[in-house]
PDB file of all heavy atoms in Angstrom:
ATOM      1  N   ASN A   1       4.858 -12.033 -18.640  1.00  0.00           N
ATOM      2  CA  ASN A   1       4.025 -10.900 -19.050  1.00  0.00           C
ATOM      3  C   ASN A   1       3.344 -10.197 -17.882  1.00  0.00           C
ATOM      4  O   ASN A   1       2.576  -9.252 -18.099  1.00  0.00           O
ATOM      5  CB  ASN A   1       2.959 -11.365 -20.051  1.00  0.00           C
ATOM      6  CG  ASN A   1       3.539 -11.580 -21.436  1.00  0.00           C
ATOM      7  OD1 ASN A   1       4.617 -11.104 -21.747  1.00  0.00           O
ATOM      8  ND2 ASN A   1       2.830 -12.329 -22.266  1.00  0.00           N
ATOM      9  N   ILE A   2       3.592 -10.644 -16.657  1.00  0.00           N
ATOM     10  CA  ILE A   2       2.941 -10.025 -15.495  1.00  0.00           C
ATOM     11  C   ILE A   2       3.985  -9.608 -14.468  1.00  0.00           C
ATOM     12  O   ILE A   2       4.822 -10.414 -14.058  1.00  0.00           O
ATOM     13  CB  ILE A   2       1.954 -10.999 -14.814  1.00  0.00           C
ATOM     14  CG1 ILE A   2       0.886 -11.487 -15.785  1.00  0.00           C
ATOM     15  CG2 ILE A   2       1.299 -10.329 -13.609  1.00  0.00           C
ATOM     16  CD1 ILE A   2      -0.040 -12.543 -15.182  1.00  0.00           C
ATOM     17  N   GLU A   3       3.922  -8.348 -14.065  1.00  0.00           N
ATOM     18  CA  GLU A   3       4.718  -7.875 -12.924  1.00  0.00           C
ATOM     19  C   GLU A   3       3.810  -7.048 -12.034  1.00  0.00           C
ATOM     20  O   GLU A   3       2.990  -6.258 -12.519  1.00  0.00           O
ATOM     21  CB  GLU A   3       5.916  -7.031 -13.359  1.00  0.00           C
ATOM     22  CG  GLU A   3       6.712  -6.490 -12.171  1.00  0.00           C
ATOM     23  CD  GLU A   3       7.910  -5.646 -12.569  1.00  0.00           C
ATOM     24  OE1 GLU A   3       8.273  -5.647 -13.766  1.00  0.00           O
ATOM     25  OE2 GLU A   3       8.483  -4.979 -11.688  1.00  0.00           O
ATOM     26  N   PHE A   4       3.941  -7.214 -10.725  1.00  0.00           N
ATOM     27  CA  PHE A   4       3.205  -6.420  -9.758  1.00  0.00           C
ATOM     28  C   PHE A   4       4.139  -5.371  -9.160  1.00  0.00           C
ATOM     29  O   PHE A   4       5.216  -5.715  -8.669  1.00  0.00           O
ATOM     30  CB  PHE A   4       2.654  -7.296  -8.625  1.00  0.00           C
ATOM     31  CG  PHE A   4       1.514  -8.174  -9.033  1.00  0.00           C
ATOM     32  CD1 PHE A   4       1.747  -9.443  -9.542  1.00  0.00           C
ATOM     33  CD2 PHE A   4       0.202  -7.739  -8.905  1.00  0.00           C
ATOM     34  CE1 PHE A   4       0.693 -10.268  -9.918  1.00  0.00           C
ATOM     35  CE2 PHE A   4      -0.863  -8.556  -9.281  1.00  0.00           C
ATOM     36  CZ  PHE A   4      -0.613  -9.821  -9.787  1.00  0.00           C
ATOM     37  N   ARG A   5       3.711  -4.115  -9.211  1.00  0.00           N
ATOM     38  CA  ARG A   5       4.455  -3.037  -8.542  1.00  0.00           C
ATOM     39  C   ARG A   5       3.537  -2.443  -7.480  1.00  0.00           C
ATOM     40  O   ARG A   5       2.574  -1.731  -7.783  1.00  0.00           O
ATOM     41  CB  ARG A   5       4.898  -1.967  -9.535  1.00  0.00           C
ATOM     42  CG  ARG A   5       5.765  -0.870  -8.901  1.00  0.00           C
ATOM     43  CD  ARG A   5       6.577  -0.147  -9.956  1.00  0.00           C
ATOM     44  NE  ARG A   5       7.535  -1.065 -10.557  1.00  0.00           N
ATOM     45  CZ  ARG A   5       8.128  -0.872 -11.742  1.00  0.00           C
ATOM     46  NH1 ARG A   5       7.862   0.219 -12.439  1.00  0.00           N
ATOM     47  NH2 ARG A   5       8.981  -1.754 -12.224  1.00  0.00           N
ATOM     48  N   LEU A   6       3.807  -2.781  -6.232  1.00  0.00           N
ATOM     49  CA  LEU A   6       2.962  -2.320  -5.134  1.00  0.00           C
ATOM     50  C   LEU A   6       3.466  -0.982  -4.597  1.00  0.00           C
ATOM     51  O   LEU A   6       4.670  -0.799  -4.416  1.00  0.00           O
ATOM     52  CB  LEU A   6       2.919  -3.368  -4.020  1.00  0.00           C
ATOM     53  CG  LEU A   6       2.424  -4.761  -4.429  1.00  0.00           C
ATOM     54  CD1 LEU A   6       2.084  -5.587  -3.196  1.00  0.00           C
ATOM     55  CD2 LEU A   6       1.218  -4.692  -5.356  1.00  0.00           C
ATOM     56  N   THR A   7       2.537  -0.078  -4.363  1.00  0.00           N
ATOM     57  CA  THR A   7       2.896   1.268  -3.929  1.00  0.00           C
ATOM     58  C   THR A   7       2.643   1.430  -2.435  1.00  0.00           C
ATOM     59  O   THR A   7       1.604   1.044  -1.917  1.00  0.00           O
ATOM     60  CB  THR A   7       2.114   2.337  -4.714  1.00  0.00           C
ATOM     61  OG1 THR A   7       0.704   2.134  -4.514  1.00  0.00           O
ATOM     62  CG2 THR A   7       2.393   2.238  -6.189  1.00  0.00           C
ATOM     63  N   MET A   8       3.624   2.006  -1.771  1.00  0.00           N
ATOM     64  CA  MET A   8       3.536   2.304  -0.337  1.00  0.00           C
ATOM     65  C   MET A   8       4.048   3.723  -0.150  1.00  0.00           C
ATOM     66  O   MET A   8       5.214   4.000  -0.435  1.00  0.00           O
ATOM     67  CB  MET A   8       4.388   1.321   0.472  1.00  0.00           C
ATOM     68  CG  MET A   8       4.058  -0.132   0.207  1.00  0.00           C
ATOM     69  SD  MET A   8       5.162  -1.251   1.096  1.00  0.00           S
ATOM     70  CE  MET A   8       4.962  -2.733   0.109  1.00  0.00           C
ATOM     71  N   ASN A   9       3.176   4.612   0.305  1.00  0.00           N
ATOM     72  CA  ASN A   9       3.534   6.020   0.337  1.00  0.00           C
ATOM     73  C   ASN A   9       3.776   6.577   1.732  1.00  0.00           C
ATOM     74  O   ASN A   9       4.624   7.434   1.932  1.00  0.00           O
ATOM     75  CB  ASN A   9       2.445   6.869  -0.333  1.00  0.00           C
ATOM     76  CG  ASN A   9       2.086   6.354  -1.703  1.00  0.00           C
ATOM     77  OD1 ASN A   9       1.242   5.487  -1.834  1.00  0.00           O
ATOM     78  ND2 ASN A   9       2.735   6.869  -2.727  1.00  0.00           N
ATOM     79  N   CYS A  10       2.973   6.138   2.692  1.00  0.00           N
ATOM     80  CA  CYS A  10       3.038   6.777   3.999  1.00  0.00           C
ATOM     81  C   CYS A  10       2.482   5.849   5.068  1.00  0.00           C
ATOM     82  O   CYS A  10       2.011   4.746   4.765  1.00  0.00           O
ATOM     83  CB  CYS A  10       2.263   8.099   3.992  1.00  0.00           C
ATOM     84  SG  CYS A  10       0.515   7.910   3.640  1.00  0.00           S
ATOM     85  N   VAL A  11       2.546   6.309   6.319  1.00  0.00           N
ATOM     86  CA  VAL A  11       2.130   5.461   7.439  1.00  0.00           C
ATOM     87  C   VAL A  11       0.965   6.055   8.225  1.00  0.00           C
ATOM     88  O   VAL A  11       0.642   5.588   9.306  1.00  0.00           O
ATOM     89  CB  VAL A  11       3.322   5.208   8.390  1.00  0.00           C
ATOM     90  CG1 VAL A  11       4.402   4.425   7.675  1.00  0.00           C
ATOM     91  CG2 VAL A  11       3.884   6.515   8.936  1.00  0.00           C
ATOM     92  N   ASP A  12       0.331   7.114   7.690  1.00  0.00           N
ATOM     93  CA  ASP A  12      -0.809   7.698   8.401  1.00  0.00           C
ATOM     94  C   ASP A  12      -2.008   7.831   7.466  1.00  0.00           C
ATOM     95  O   ASP A  12      -1.909   7.604   6.266  1.00  0.00           O
ATOM     96  CB  ASP A  12      -0.446   9.065   9.006  1.00  0.00           C
ATOM     97  CG  ASP A  12      -0.022  10.079   7.955  1.00  0.00           C
ATOM     98  OD1 ASP A  12      -0.814  10.347   7.035  1.00  0.00           O
ATOM     99  OD2 ASP A  12       1.095  10.623   8.047  1.00  0.00           O
ATOM    100  N   ASP A  13      -3.138   8.194   8.039  1.00  0.00           N
ATOM    101  CA  ASP A  13      -4.390   8.248   7.279  1.00  0.00           C
ATOM    102  C   ASP A  13      -4.661   9.600   6.638  1.00  0.00           C
ATOM    103  O   ASP A  13      -5.634   9.736   5.895  1.00  0.00           O
ATOM    104  CB  ASP A  13      -5.577   7.896   8.189  1.00  0.00           C
ATOM    105  CG  ASP A  13      -5.517   6.454   8.668  1.00  0.00           C
ATOM    106  OD1 ASP A  13      -4.968   5.622   7.921  1.00  0.00           O
ATOM    107  OD2 ASP A  13      -5.996   6.167   9.775  1.00  0.00           O
ATOM    108  N   TYR A  14      -3.839  10.596   6.917  1.00  0.00           N
ATOM    109  CA  TYR A  14      -4.108  11.930   6.382  1.00  0.00           C
ATOM    110  C   TYR A  14      -4.100  11.922   4.853  1.00  0.00           C
ATOM    111  O   TYR A  14      -4.994  12.483   4.218  1.00  0.00           O
ATOM    112  CB  TYR A  14      -3.065  12.932   6.904  1.00  0.00           C
ATOM    113  CG  TYR A  14      -3.224  14.318   6.310  1.00  0.00           C
ATOM    114  CD1 TYR A  14      -4.207  15.184   6.779  1.00  0.00           C
ATOM    115  CD2 TYR A  14      -2.404  14.744   5.266  1.00  0.00           C
ATOM    116  CE1 TYR A  14      -4.368  16.445   6.219  1.00  0.00           C
ATOM    117  CE2 TYR A  14      -2.553  16.005   4.708  1.00  0.00           C
ATOM    118  CZ  TYR A  14      -3.535  16.860   5.189  1.00  0.00           C
ATOM    119  OH  TYR A  14      -3.696  18.104   4.630  1.00  0.00           O
ATOM    120  N   TRP A  15      -3.102  11.292   4.265  1.00  0.00           N
ATOM    121  CA  TRP A  15      -2.944  11.324   2.819  1.00  0.00           C
ATOM    122  C   TRP A  15      -3.784  10.270   2.115  1.00  0.00           C
ATOM    123  O   TRP A  15      -4.297  10.497   1.031  1.00  0.00           O
ATOM    124  CB  TRP A  15      -1.470  11.120   2.452  1.00  0.00           C
ATOM    125  CG  TRP A  15      -0.604  12.257   2.859  1.00  0.00           C
ATOM    126  CD1 TRP A  15       0.244  12.314   3.925  1.00  0.00           C
ATOM    127  CD2 TRP A  15      -0.502  13.534   2.218  1.00  0.00           C
ATOM    128  NE1 TRP A  15       0.862  13.541   3.993  1.00  0.00           N
ATOM    129  CE2 TRP A  15       0.411  14.306   2.949  1.00  0.00           C
ATOM    130  CE3 TRP A  15      -1.102  14.106   1.096  1.00  0.00           C
ATOM    131  CZ2 TRP A  15       0.759  15.608   2.600  1.00  0.00           C
ATOM    132  CZ3 TRP A  15      -0.760  15.396   0.739  1.00  0.00           C
ATOM    133  CH2 TRP A  15       0.148  16.137   1.479  1.00  0.00           C
ATOM    134  N   GLN A  16      -3.908   9.101   2.708  1.00  0.00           N
ATOM    135  CA  GLN A  16      -4.571   7.970   2.053  1.00  0.00           C
ATOM    136  C   GLN A  16      -5.723   7.503   2.928  1.00  0.00           C
ATOM    137  O   GLN A  16      -5.596   6.560   3.699  1.00  0.00           O
ATOM    138  CB  GLN A  16      -3.570   6.839   1.830  1.00  0.00           C
ATOM    139  CG  GLN A  16      -2.429   7.266   0.935  1.00  0.00           C
ATOM    140  CD  GLN A  16      -1.381   6.190   0.736  1.00  0.00           C
ATOM    141  OE1 GLN A  16      -0.528   6.332  -0.112  1.00  0.00           O
ATOM    142  NE2 GLN A  16      -1.434   5.131   1.489  1.00  0.00           N
ATOM    143  N   GLN A  17      -6.845   8.137   2.757  1.00  0.00           N
ATOM    144  CA  GLN A  17      -7.946   7.925   3.692  1.00  0.00           C
ATOM    145  C   GLN A  17      -8.603   6.558   3.548  1.00  0.00           C
ATOM    146  O   GLN A  17      -9.070   5.979   4.524  1.00  0.00           O
ATOM    147  CB  GLN A  17      -8.970   9.040   3.505  1.00  0.00           C
ATOM    148  CG  GLN A  17      -8.380  10.425   3.754  1.00  0.00           C
ATOM    149  CD  GLN A  17      -9.266  11.544   3.226  1.00  0.00           C
ATOM    150  OE1 GLN A  17     -10.460  11.360   3.066  1.00  0.00           O
ATOM    151  NE2 GLN A  17      -8.687  12.699   2.959  1.00  0.00           N
ATOM    152  N   GLY A  18      -8.643   6.021   2.326  1.00  0.00           N
ATOM    153  CA  GLY A  18      -9.364   4.774   2.110  1.00  0.00           C
ATOM    154  C   GLY A  18      -8.509   3.611   1.672  1.00  0.00           C
ATOM    155  O   GLY A  18      -9.015   2.505   1.486  1.00  0.00           O
ATOM    156  N   SER A  19      -7.208   3.821   1.483  1.00  0.00           N
ATOM    157  CA  SER A  19      -6.349   2.757   0.966  1.00  0.00           C
ATOM    158  C   SER A  19      -5.830   1.869   2.092  1.00  0.00           C
ATOM    159  O   SER A  19      -5.854   2.253   3.260  1.00  0.00           O
ATOM    160  CB  SER A  19      -5.175   3.363   0.188  1.00  0.00           C
ATOM    161  OG  SER A  19      -4.404   4.196   1.039  1.00  0.00           O
ATOM    162  N   PRO A  20      -5.356   0.671   1.749  1.00  0.00           N
ATOM    163  CA  PRO A  20      -4.870  -0.246   2.785  1.00  0.00           C
ATOM    164  C   PRO A  20      -3.680   0.330   3.547  1.00  0.00           C
ATOM    165  O   PRO A  20      -2.841   1.039   2.969  1.00  0.00           O
ATOM    166  CB  PRO A  20      -4.453  -1.487   1.983  1.00  0.00           C
ATOM    167  CG  PRO A  20      -5.199  -1.392   0.702  1.00  0.00           C
ATOM    168  CD  PRO A  20      -5.324   0.067   0.411  1.00  0.00           C
ATOM    169  N   TYR A  21      -3.593   0.010   4.840  1.00  0.00           N
ATOM    170  CA  TYR A  21      -2.432   0.386   5.639  1.00  0.00           C
ATOM    171  C   TYR A  21      -1.218  -0.316   5.057  1.00  0.00           C
ATOM    172  O   TYR A  21      -1.315  -1.441   4.552  1.00  0.00           O
ATOM    173  CB  TYR A  21      -2.658  -0.029   7.094  1.00  0.00           C
ATOM    174  CG  TYR A  21      -1.616   0.451   8.063  1.00  0.00           C
ATOM    175  CD1 TYR A  21      -1.353   1.821   8.193  1.00  0.00           C
ATOM    176  CD2 TYR A  21      -0.897  -0.437   8.851  1.00  0.00           C
ATOM    177  CE1 TYR A  21      -0.395   2.270   9.089  1.00  0.00           C
ATOM    178  CE2 TYR A  21       0.060   0.007   9.756  1.00  0.00           C
ATOM    179  CZ  TYR A  21       0.314   1.362   9.866  1.00  0.00           C
ATOM    180  OH  TYR A  21       1.256   1.815  10.755  1.00  0.00           O
ATOM    181  N   TYR A  22      -0.057   0.334   5.121  1.00  0.00           N
ATOM    182  CA  TYR A  22       1.102  -0.184   4.400  1.00  0.00           C
ATOM    183  C   TYR A  22       1.500  -1.595   4.838  1.00  0.00           C
ATOM    184  O   TYR A  22       2.028  -2.378   4.038  1.00  0.00           O
ATOM    185  CB  TYR A  22       2.285   0.780   4.529  1.00  0.00           C
ATOM    186  CG  TYR A  22       3.045   0.693   5.834  1.00  0.00           C
ATOM    187  CD1 TYR A  22       4.211  -0.051   5.933  1.00  0.00           C
ATOM    188  CD2 TYR A  22       2.591   1.359   6.971  1.00  0.00           C
ATOM    189  CE1 TYR A  22       4.902  -0.144   7.125  1.00  0.00           C
ATOM    190  CE2 TYR A  22       3.276   1.274   8.162  1.00  0.00           C
ATOM    191  CZ  TYR A  22       4.433   0.525   8.241  1.00  0.00           C
ATOM    192  OH  TYR A  22       5.102   0.438   9.421  1.00  0.00           O
ATOM    193  N   MET A  23       1.232  -1.970   6.084  1.00  0.00           N
ATOM    194  CA  MET A  23       1.571  -3.320   6.521  1.00  0.00           C
ATOM    195  C   MET A  23       0.722  -4.367   5.793  1.00  0.00           C
ATOM    196  O   MET A  23       1.164  -5.490   5.562  1.00  0.00           O
ATOM    197  CB  MET A  23       1.390  -3.450   8.033  1.00  0.00           C
ATOM    198  CG  MET A  23       2.451  -2.721   8.845  1.00  0.00           C
ATOM    199  SD  MET A  23       4.131  -3.342   8.494  1.00  0.00           S
ATOM    200  CE  MET A  23       4.049  -4.999   9.164  1.00  0.00           C
ATOM    201  N   ARG A  24      -0.502  -3.992   5.407  1.00  0.00           N
ATOM    202  CA  ARG A  24      -1.343  -4.908   4.631  1.00  0.00           C
ATOM    203  C   ARG A  24      -0.791  -5.046   3.209  1.00  0.00           C
ATOM    204  O   ARG A  24      -0.869  -6.123   2.611  1.00  0.00           O
ATOM    205  CB  ARG A  24      -2.780  -4.412   4.597  1.00  0.00           C
ATOM    206  CG  ARG A  24      -3.466  -4.402   5.957  1.00  0.00           C
ATOM    207  CD  ARG A  24      -4.947  -4.120   5.810  1.00  0.00           C
ATOM    208  NE  ARG A  24      -5.604  -5.195   5.095  1.00  0.00           N
ATOM    209  CZ  ARG A  24      -6.820  -5.083   4.542  1.00  0.00           C
ATOM    210  NH1 ARG A  24      -7.480  -3.937   4.617  1.00  0.00           N
ATOM    211  NH2 ARG A  24      -7.366  -6.102   3.918  1.00  0.00           N
ATOM    212  N   THR A  25      -0.229  -3.959   2.673  1.00  0.00           N
ATOM    213  CA  THR A  25       0.379  -4.035   1.343  1.00  0.00           C
ATOM    214  C   THR A  25       1.636  -4.894   1.386  1.00  0.00           C
ATOM    215  O   THR A  25       1.920  -5.640   0.439  1.00  0.00           O
ATOM    216  CB  THR A  25       0.704  -2.621   0.819  1.00  0.00           C
ATOM    217  OG1 THR A  25      -0.494  -1.824   0.834  1.00  0.00           O
ATOM    218  CG2 THR A  25       1.235  -2.663  -0.606  1.00  0.00           C
ATOM    219  N   ILE A  26       2.388  -4.816   2.472  1.00  0.00           N
ATOM    220  CA  ILE A  26       3.546  -5.702   2.632  1.00  0.00           C
ATOM    221  C   ILE A  26       3.072  -7.156   2.677  1.00  0.00           C
ATOM    222  O   ILE A  26       3.680  -8.053   2.075  1.00  0.00           O
ATOM    223  CB  ILE A  26       4.339  -5.343   3.900  1.00  0.00           C
ATOM    224  CG1 ILE A  26       5.032  -3.977   3.725  1.00  0.00           C
ATOM    225  CG2 ILE A  26       5.389  -6.422   4.202  1.00  0.00           C
ATOM    226  CD1 ILE A  26       5.774  -3.493   4.955  1.00  0.00           C
ATOM    227  N   GLY A  27       1.958  -7.415   3.368  1.00  0.00           N
ATOM    228  CA  GLY A  27       1.393  -8.758   3.395  1.00  0.00           C
ATOM    229  C   GLY A  27       1.004  -9.235   2.009  1.00  0.00           C
ATOM    230  O   GLY A  27       1.233 -10.398   1.647  1.00  0.00           O
ATOM    231  N   ALA A  28       0.425  -8.334   1.212  1.00  0.00           N
ATOM    232  CA  ALA A  28       0.065  -8.675  -0.178  1.00  0.00           C
ATOM    233  C   ALA A  28       1.310  -8.991  -0.989  1.00  0.00           C
ATOM    234  O   ALA A  28       1.323  -9.929  -1.802  1.00  0.00           O
ATOM    235  CB  ALA A  28      -0.707  -7.514  -0.808  1.00  0.00           C
ATOM    236  N   LEU A  29       2.364  -8.217  -0.775  1.00  0.00           N
ATOM    237  CA  LEU A  29       3.629  -8.437  -1.478  1.00  0.00           C
ATOM    238  C   LEU A  29       4.173  -9.833  -1.192  1.00  0.00           C
ATOM    239  O   LEU A  29       4.588 -10.560  -2.111  1.00  0.00           O
ATOM    240  CB  LEU A  29       4.644  -7.376  -1.042  1.00  0.00           C
ATOM    241  CG  LEU A  29       6.052  -7.474  -1.631  1.00  0.00           C
ATOM    242  CD1 LEU A  29       6.038  -7.144  -3.108  1.00  0.00           C
ATOM    243  CD2 LEU A  29       7.007  -6.542  -0.886  1.00  0.00           C
TER     244      LEU A  29
END
């Protein structure tokens, strides 16, 4: 009943000012 879908959009801070850097999301994955 549980699936995680992690989102990774870009590699710079212009678009995602407060979200984790994508390498941290890969670590979470």
